Amino acid sequence: MSNDANTHAEDEGREAVDVGRITHDLNNQIMVIQGNASLMKMKSSEWPEMLDMANQILAASQRAAELIRQLQQISSAAV
């Protein structure tokens, strides 16, 4: 393998690691959002509109989690 090819492969490896770190951090934030939305659902009897808001938050966070999984798959395939 040429030096340029080696450098390119190393760069791709670093990029995959960076994507992995970023997606890990995003997943942590998604878990906080989902946890708090679940708590909102539990308290929704005190404020009925809260149930709808909590469901919207959970749905959006689940879509975000799916996008993160797709990014992880793409970065894994690139290595």
PDB file of N, CA and C in Angstrom:
ATOM      1  N   MET A   1       0.852  -1.171   0.000  1.00  0.00           N
ATOM      2  CA  MET A   1       0.000   0.000   0.000  1.00  0.00           C
ATOM      3  C   MET A   1       0.897   1.233   0.000  1.00  0.00           C
ATOM      4  N   SER A   2       0.550   2.226  -0.819  1.00  0.00           N
ATOM      5  CA  SER A   2       1.352   3.438  -0.910  1.00  0.00           C
ATOM      6  C   SER A   2       1.166   4.275   0.350  1.00  0.00           C
ATOM      7  N   ASN A   3       2.075   5.215   0.517  1.00  0.00           N
ATOM      8  CA  ASN A   3       2.013   6.100   1.676  1.00  0.00           C
ATOM      9  C   ASN A   3       0.722   6.919   1.675  1.00  0.00           C
ATOM     10  N   ASP A   4       0.309   7.389   0.479  1.00  0.00           N
ATOM     11  CA  ASP A   4      -0.945   8.145   0.374  1.00  0.00           C
ATOM     12  C   ASP A   4      -2.145   7.287   0.767  1.00  0.00           C
ATOM     13  N   ALA A   5      -2.145   6.036   0.329  1.00  0.00           N
ATOM     14  CA  ALA A   5      -3.246   5.127   0.662  1.00  0.00           C
ATOM     15  C   ALA A   5      -3.269   4.851   2.159  1.00  0.00           C
ATOM     16  N   ASN A   6      -2.075   4.694   2.746  1.00  0.00           N
ATOM     17  CA  ASN A   6      -1.984   4.482   4.193  1.00  0.00           C
ATOM     18  C   ASN A   6      -2.548   5.677   4.953  1.00  0.00           C
ATOM     19  N   THR A   7      -2.152   6.869   4.534  1.00  0.00           N
ATOM     20  CA  THR A   7      -2.617   8.089   5.182  1.00  0.00           C
ATOM     21  C   THR A   7      -4.130   8.220   5.058  1.00  0.00           C
ATOM     22  N   HIS A   8      -4.648   7.911   3.879  1.00  0.00           N
ATOM     23  CA  HIS A   8      -6.100   7.978   3.654  1.00  0.00           C
ATOM     24  C   HIS A   8      -6.831   6.984   4.560  1.00  0.00           C
ATOM     25  N   ALA A   9      -6.311   5.779   4.667  1.00  0.00           N
ATOM     26  CA  ALA A   9      -6.930   4.755   5.517  1.00  0.00           C
ATOM     27  C   ALA A   9      -6.890   5.181   6.982  1.00  0.00           C
ATOM     28  N   GLU A  10      -5.775   5.778   7.410  1.00  0.00           N
ATOM     29  CA  GLU A  10      -5.674   6.250   8.790  1.00  0.00           C
ATOM     30  C   GLU A  10      -6.676   7.378   9.053  1.00  0.00           C
ATOM     31  N   ASP A  11      -6.812   8.286   8.072  1.00  0.00           N
ATOM     32  CA  ASP A  11      -7.778   9.381   8.215  1.00  0.00           C
ATOM     33  C   ASP A  11      -9.198   8.845   8.342  1.00  0.00           C
ATOM     34  N   GLU A  12      -9.546   7.855   7.519  1.00  0.00           N
ATOM     35  CA  GLU A  12     -10.885   7.259   7.592  1.00  0.00           C
ATOM     36  C   GLU A  12     -11.110   6.587   8.937  1.00  0.00           C
ATOM     37  N   GLY A  13     -10.071   5.932   9.448  1.00  0.00           N
ATOM     38  CA  GLY A  13     -10.180   5.292  10.755  1.00  0.00           C
ATOM     39  C   GLY A  13     -10.418   6.303  11.857  1.00  0.00           C
ATOM     40  N   ARG A  14      -9.695   7.425  11.796  1.00  0.00           N
ATOM     41  CA  ARG A  14      -9.886   8.487  12.790  1.00  0.00           C
ATOM     42  C   ARG A  14     -11.288   9.087  12.682  1.00  0.00           C
ATOM     43  N   GLU A  15     -11.750   9.288  11.459  1.00  0.00           N
ATOM     44  CA  GLU A  15     -13.097   9.838  11.264  1.00  0.00           C
ATOM     45  C   GLU A  15     -14.153   8.902  11.840  1.00  0.00           C
ATOM     46  N   ALA A  16     -13.973   7.603  11.649  1.00  0.00           N
ATOM     47  CA  ALA A  16     -14.931   6.631  12.192  1.00  0.00           C
ATOM     48  C   ALA A  16     -14.930   6.675  13.713  1.00  0.00           C
ATOM     49  N   VAL A  17     -13.739   6.829  14.310  1.00  0.00           N
ATOM     50  CA  VAL A  17     -13.650   6.931  15.767  1.00  0.00           C
ATOM     51  C   VAL A  17     -14.343   8.205  16.237  1.00  0.00           C
ATOM     52  N   ASP A  18     -14.127   9.318  15.514  1.00  0.00           N
ATOM     53  CA  ASP A  18     -14.785  10.579  15.867  1.00  0.00           C
ATOM     54  C   ASP A  18     -16.302  10.441  15.788  1.00  0.00           C
ATOM     55  N   VAL A  19     -16.798   9.824  14.721  1.00  0.00           N
ATOM     56  CA  VAL A  19     -18.241   9.612  14.577  1.00  0.00           C
ATOM     57  C   VAL A  19     -18.743   8.740  15.722  1.00  0.00           C
ATOM     58  N   GLY A  20     -17.978   7.725  16.085  1.00  0.00           N
ATOM     59  CA  GLY A  20     -18.359   6.856  17.193  1.00  0.00           C
ATOM     60  C   GLY A  20     -18.482   7.616  18.501  1.00  0.00           C
ATOM     61  N   ARG A  21     -17.527   8.501  18.758  1.00  0.00           N
ATOM     62  CA  ARG A  21     -17.582   9.311  19.989  1.00  0.00           C
ATOM     63  C   ARG A  21     -18.791  10.243  19.980  1.00  0.00           C
ATOM     64  N   ILE A  22     -18.993  10.892  18.849  1.00  0.00           N
ATOM     65  CA  ILE A  22     -20.107  11.836  18.746  1.00  0.00           C
ATOM     66  C   ILE A  22     -21.442  11.118  18.919  1.00  0.00           C
ATOM     67  N   THR A  23     -21.606   9.978  18.250  1.00  0.00           N
ATOM     68  CA  THR A  23     -22.876   9.258  18.366  1.00  0.00           C
ATOM     69  C   THR A  23     -23.082   8.741  19.785  1.00  0.00           C
ATOM     70  N   HIS A  24     -21.996   8.355  20.449  1.00  0.00           N
ATOM     71  CA  HIS A  24     -22.100   7.915  21.843  1.00  0.00           C
ATOM     72  C   HIS A  24     -22.604   9.067  22.715  1.00  0.00           C
ATOM     73  N   ASP A  25     -22.020  10.248  22.538  1.00  0.00           N
ATOM     74  CA  ASP A  25     -22.449  11.411  23.313  1.00  0.00           C
ATOM     75  C   ASP A  25     -23.899  11.788  22.999  1.00  0.00           C
ATOM     76  N   LEU A  26     -24.269  11.717  21.733  1.00  0.00           N
ATOM     77  CA  LEU A  26     -25.657  12.006  21.355  1.00  0.00           C
ATOM     78  C   LEU A  26     -26.614  11.005  21.990  1.00  0.00           C
ATOM     79  N   ASN A  27     -26.233   9.739  21.988  1.00  0.00           N
ATOM     80  CA  ASN A  27     -27.077   8.714  22.620  1.00  0.00           C
ATOM     81  C   ASN A  27     -27.278   9.015  24.101  1.00  0.00           C
ATOM     82  N   ASN A  28     -26.219   9.470  24.768  1.00  0.00           N
ATOM     83  CA  ASN A  28     -26.354   9.826  26.183  1.00  0.00           C
ATOM     84  C   ASN A  28     -27.379  10.938  26.369  1.00  0.00           C
ATOM     85  N   GLN A  29     -27.345  11.942  25.503  1.00  0.00           N
ATOM     86  CA  GLN A  29     -28.301  13.043  25.601  1.00  0.00           C
ATOM     87  C   GLN A  29     -29.723  12.567  25.300  1.00  0.00           C
ATOM     88  N   ILE A  30     -29.858  11.688  24.321  1.00  0.00           N
ATOM     89  CA  ILE A  30     -31.176  11.131  23.983  1.00  0.00           C
ATOM     90  C   ILE A  30     -31.751  10.382  25.184  1.00  0.00           C
ATOM     91  N   MET A  31     -30.905   9.651  25.896  1.00  0.00           N
ATOM     92  CA  MET A  31     -31.386   8.908  27.066  1.00  0.00           C
ATOM     93  C   MET A  31     -31.920   9.859  28.140  1.00  0.00           C
ATOM     94  N   VAL A  32     -31.253  10.984  28.340  1.00  0.00           N
ATOM     95  CA  VAL A  32     -31.728  11.980  29.307  1.00  0.00           C
ATOM     96  C   VAL A  32     -33.088  12.523  28.869  1.00  0.00           C
ATOM     97  N   ILE A  33     -33.198  12.854  27.595  1.00  0.00           N
ATOM     98  CA  ILE A  33     -34.459  13.383  27.061  1.00  0.00           C
ATOM     99  C   ILE A  33     -35.579  12.360  27.232  1.00  0.00           C
ATOM    100  N   GLN A  34     -35.300  11.111  26.864  1.00  0.00           N
ATOM    101  CA  GLN A  34     -36.326  10.069  26.977  1.00  0.00           C
ATOM    102  C   GLN A  34     -36.708   9.814  28.429  1.00  0.00           C
ATOM    103  N   GLY A  35     -35.726   9.830  29.311  1.00  0.00           N
ATOM    104  CA  GLY A  35     -36.015   9.614  30.729  1.00  0.00           C
ATOM    105  C   GLY A  35     -36.911  10.700  31.301  1.00  0.00           C
ATOM    106  N   ASN A  36     -36.596  11.943  30.966  1.00  0.00           N
ATOM    107  CA  ASN A  36     -37.417  13.052  31.461  1.00  0.00           C
ATOM    108  C   ASN A  36     -38.803  13.055  30.835  1.00  0.00           C
ATOM    109  N   ALA A  37     -38.903  12.704  29.565  1.00  0.00           N
ATOM    110  CA  ALA A  37     -40.223  12.623  28.924  1.00  0.00           C
ATOM    111  C   ALA A  37     -41.060  11.512  29.560  1.00  0.00           C
ATOM    112  N   SER A  38     -40.413  10.415  29.914  1.00  0.00           N
ATOM    113  CA  SER A  38     -41.138   9.331  30.590  1.00  0.00           C
ATOM    114  C   SER A  38     -41.646   9.782  31.957  1.00  0.00           C
ATOM    115  N   LEU A  39     -40.829  10.549  32.670  1.00  0.00           N
ATOM    116  CA  LEU A  39     -41.281  11.097  33.955  1.00  0.00           C
ATOM    117  C   LEU A  39     -42.451  12.057  33.757  1.00  0.00           C
ATOM    118  N   MET A  40     -42.400  12.846  32.681  1.00  0.00           N
ATOM    119  CA  MET A  40     -43.519  13.742  32.368  1.00  0.00           C
ATOM    120  C   MET A  40     -44.803  12.944  32.164  1.00  0.00           C
ATOM    121  N   LYS A  41     -44.683  11.815  31.463  1.00  0.00           N
ATOM    122  CA  LYS A  41     -45.874  10.983  31.226  1.00  0.00           C
ATOM    123  C   LYS A  41     -46.457  10.492  32.544  1.00  0.00           C
ATOM    124  N   MET A  42     -45.578  10.129  33.474  1.00  0.00           N
ATOM    125  CA  MET A  42     -46.044   9.628  34.763  1.00  0.00           C
ATOM    126  C   MET A  42     -46.784  10.719  35.547  1.00  0.00           C
ATOM    127  N   LYS A  43     -46.394  11.969  35.348  1.00  0.00           N
ATOM    128  CA  LYS A  43     -47.008  13.091  36.062  1.00  0.00           C
ATOM    129  C   LYS A  43     -48.140  13.739  35.270  1.00  0.00           C
ATOM    130  N   SER A  44     -48.462  13.192  34.103  1.00  0.00           N
ATOM    131  CA  SER A  44     -49.416  13.854  33.206  1.00  0.00           C
ATOM    132  C   SER A  44     -50.832  13.950  33.771  1.00  0.00           C
ATOM    133  N   SER A  45     -51.148  13.172  34.782  1.00  0.00           N
ATOM    134  CA  SER A  45     -52.495  13.281  35.362  1.00  0.00           C
ATOM    135  C   SER A  45     -52.694  14.654  36.008  1.00  0.00           C
ATOM    136  N   GLU A  46     -51.595  15.300  36.392  1.00  0.00           N
ATOM    137  CA  GLU A  46     -51.670  16.626  37.000  1.00  0.00           C
ATOM    138  C   GLU A  46     -51.870  17.722  35.946  1.00  0.00           C
ATOM    139  N   TRP A  47     -51.515  17.404  34.695  1.00  0.00           N
ATOM    140  CA  TRP A  47     -51.605  18.386  33.611  1.00  0.00           C
ATOM    141  C   TRP A  47     -51.810  17.607  32.320  1.00  0.00           C
ATOM    142  N   PRO A  48     -53.046  17.432  31.874  1.00  0.00           N
ATOM    143  CA  PRO A  48     -53.348  16.561  30.733  1.00  0.00           C
ATOM    144  C   PRO A  48     -52.574  16.898  29.453  1.00  0.00           C
ATOM    145  N   GLU A  49     -52.309  18.184  29.206  1.00  0.00           N
ATOM    146  CA  GLU A  49     -51.568  18.555  27.996  1.00  0.00           C
ATOM    147  C   GLU A  49     -50.145  18.006  28.021  1.00  0.00           C
ATOM    148  N   MET A  50     -49.662  17.721  29.220  1.00  0.00           N
ATOM    149  CA  MET A  50     -48.306  17.215  29.368  1.00  0.00           C
ATOM    150  C   MET A  50     -48.148  15.851  28.694  1.00  0.00           C
ATOM    151  N   LEU A  51     -49.184  15.037  28.707  1.00  0.00           N
ATOM    152  CA  LEU A  51     -49.101  13.713  28.095  1.00  0.00           C
ATOM    153  C   LEU A  51     -48.805  13.833  26.606  1.00  0.00           C
ATOM    154  N   ASP A  52     -49.502  14.723  25.917  1.00  0.00           N
ATOM    155  CA  ASP A  52     -49.265  14.921  24.485  1.00  0.00           C
ATOM    156  C   ASP A  52     -47.850  15.433  24.234  1.00  0.00           C
ATOM    157  N   MET A  53     -47.409  16.392  25.056  1.00  0.00           N
ATOM    158  CA  MET A  53     -46.049  16.919  24.888  1.00  0.00           C
ATOM    159  C   MET A  53     -45.006  15.830  25.126  1.00  0.00           C
ATOM    160  N   ALA A  54     -45.207  15.044  26.162  1.00  0.00           N
ATOM    161  CA  ALA A  54     -44.264  13.968  26.468  1.00  0.00           C
ATOM    162  C   ALA A  54     -44.218  12.955  25.331  1.00  0.00           C
ATOM    163  N   ASN A  55     -45.378  12.622  24.777  1.00  0.00           N
ATOM    164  CA  ASN A  55     -45.407  11.680  23.653  1.00  0.00           C
ATOM    165  C   ASN A  55     -44.687  12.239  22.434  1.00  0.00           C
ATOM    166  N   GLN A  56     -44.837  13.539  22.183  1.00  0.00           N
ATOM    167  CA  GLN A  56     -44.132  14.161  21.061  1.00  0.00           C
ATOM    168  C   GLN A  56     -42.621  14.145  21.286  1.00  0.00           C
ATOM    169  N   ILE A  57     -42.206  14.423  22.513  1.00  0.00           N
ATOM    170  CA  ILE A  57     -40.778  14.396  22.846  1.00  0.00           C
ATOM    171  C   ILE A  57     -40.228  12.988  22.663  1.00  0.00           C
ATOM    172  N   LEU A  58     -40.958  11.997  23.162  1.00  0.00           N
ATOM    173  CA  LEU A  58     -40.503  10.612  23.021  1.00  0.00           C
ATOM    174  C   LEU A  58     -40.420  10.196  21.556  1.00  0.00           C
ATOM    175  N   ALA A  59     -41.409  10.566  20.759  1.00  0.00           N
ATOM    176  CA  ALA A  59     -41.393  10.208  19.337  1.00  0.00           C
ATOM    177  C   ALA A  59     -40.204  10.861  18.631  1.00  0.00           C
ATOM    178  N   ALA A  60     -39.959  12.134  18.916  1.00  0.00           N
ATOM    179  CA  ALA A  60     -38.833  12.834  18.285  1.00  0.00           C
ATOM    180  C   ALA A  60     -37.503  12.238  18.730  1.00  0.00           C
ATOM    181  N   SER A  61     -37.393  11.885  19.999  1.00  0.00           N
ATOM    182  CA  SER A  61     -36.134  11.316  20.483  1.00  0.00           C
ATOM    183  C   SER A  61     -35.910   9.915  19.919  1.00  0.00           C
ATOM    184  N   GLN A  62     -36.978   9.180  19.676  1.00  0.00           N
ATOM    185  CA  GLN A  62     -36.829   7.864  19.047  1.00  0.00           C
ATOM    186  C   GLN A  62     -36.376   8.000  17.602  1.00  0.00           C
ATOM    187  N   ARG A  63     -36.884   9.016  16.893  1.00  0.00           N
ATOM    188  CA  ARG A  63     -36.418   9.266  15.522  1.00  0.00           C
ATOM    189  C   ARG A  63     -34.943   9.672  15.531  1.00  0.00           C
ATOM    190  N   ALA A  64     -34.564  10.509  16.491  1.00  0.00           N
ATOM    191  CA  ALA A  64     -33.166  10.925  16.600  1.00  0.00           C
ATOM    192  C   ALA A  64     -32.270   9.728  16.911  1.00  0.00           C
ATOM    193  N   ALA A  65     -32.722   8.851  17.783  1.00  0.00           N
ATOM    194  CA  ALA A  65     -31.943   7.653  18.116  1.00  0.00           C
ATOM    195  C   ALA A  65     -31.756   6.771  16.886  1.00  0.00           C
ATOM    196  N   GLU A  66     -32.774   6.682  16.048  1.00  0.00           N
ATOM    197  CA  GLU A  66     -32.664   5.889  14.817  1.00  0.00           C
ATOM    198  C   GLU A  66     -31.649   6.520  13.866  1.00  0.00           C
ATOM    199  N   LEU A  67     -31.654   7.828  13.748  1.00  0.00           N
ATOM    200  CA  LEU A  67     -30.655   8.504  12.911  1.00  0.00           C
ATOM    201  C   LEU A  67     -29.242   8.247  13.433  1.00  0.00           C
ATOM    202  N   ILE A  68     -29.086   8.246  14.738  1.00  0.00           N
ATOM    203  CA  ILE A  68     -27.782   7.968  15.335  1.00  0.00           C
ATOM    204  C   ILE A  68     -27.352   6.544  15.003  1.00  0.00           C
ATOM    205  N   ARG A  69     -28.271   5.588  15.087  1.00  0.00           N
ATOM    206  CA  ARG A  69     -27.941   4.196  14.735  1.00  0.00           C
ATOM    207  C   ARG A  69     -27.493   4.107  13.279  1.00  0.00           C
ATOM    208  N   GLN A  70     -28.152   4.850  12.402  1.00  0.00           N
ATOM    209  CA  GLN A  70     -27.765   4.847  10.993  1.00  0.00           C
ATOM    210  C   GLN A  70     -26.365   5.425  10.807  1.00  0.00           C
ATOM    211  N   LEU A  71     -26.048   6.496  11.518  1.00  0.00           N
ATOM    212  CA  LEU A  71     -24.699   7.065  11.453  1.00  0.00           C
ATOM    213  C   LEU A  71     -23.658   6.061  11.936  1.00  0.00           C
ATOM    214  N   GLN A  72     -23.981   5.347  13.009  1.00  0.00           N
ATOM    215  CA  GLN A  72     -23.061   4.335  13.521  1.00  0.00           C
ATOM    216  C   GLN A  72     -22.827   3.239  12.492  1.00  0.00           C
ATOM    217  N   GLN A  73     -23.878   2.818  11.809  1.00  0.00           N
ATOM    218  CA  GLN A  73     -23.740   1.782  10.785  1.00  0.00           C
ATOM    219  C   GLN A  73     -22.880   2.271   9.630  1.00  0.00           C
ATOM    220  N   ILE A  74     -23.098   3.508   9.210  1.00  0.00           N
ATOM    221  CA  ILE A  74     -22.311   4.072   8.112  1.00  0.00           C
ATOM    222  C   ILE A  74     -20.842   4.157   8.503  1.00  0.00           C
ATOM    223  N   SER A  75     -20.566   4.619   9.717  1.00  0.00           N
ATOM    224  CA  SER A  75     -19.166   4.755  10.132  1.00  0.00           C
ATOM    225  C   SER A  75     -18.511   3.390  10.309  1.00  0.00           C
ATOM    226  N   SER A  76     -19.271   2.393  10.752  1.00  0.00           N
ATOM    227  CA  SER A  76     -18.720   1.036  10.889  1.00  0.00           C
ATOM    228  C   SER A  76     -18.404   0.439   9.529  1.00  0.00           C
ATOM    229  N   ALA A  77     -19.259   0.698   8.556  1.00  0.00           N
ATOM    230  CA  ALA A  77     -19.047   0.164   7.211  1.00  0.00           C
ATOM    231  C   ALA A  77     -17.860   0.832   6.529  1.00  0.00           C
ATOM    232  N   ALA A  78     -17.556   2.072   6.923  1.00  0.00           N
ATOM    233  CA  ALA A  78     -16.461   2.814   6.290  1.00  0.00           C
ATOM    234  C   ALA A  78     -15.095   2.315   6.736  1.00  0.00           C
ATOM    235  N   VAL A  79     -15.036   1.639   7.858  1.00  0.00           N
ATOM    236  CA  VAL A  79     -13.738   1.188   8.388  1.00  0.00           C
ATOM    237  C   VAL A  79     -13.324  -0.118   7.786  1.00  0.00           C
TER     238      VAL A  79
END
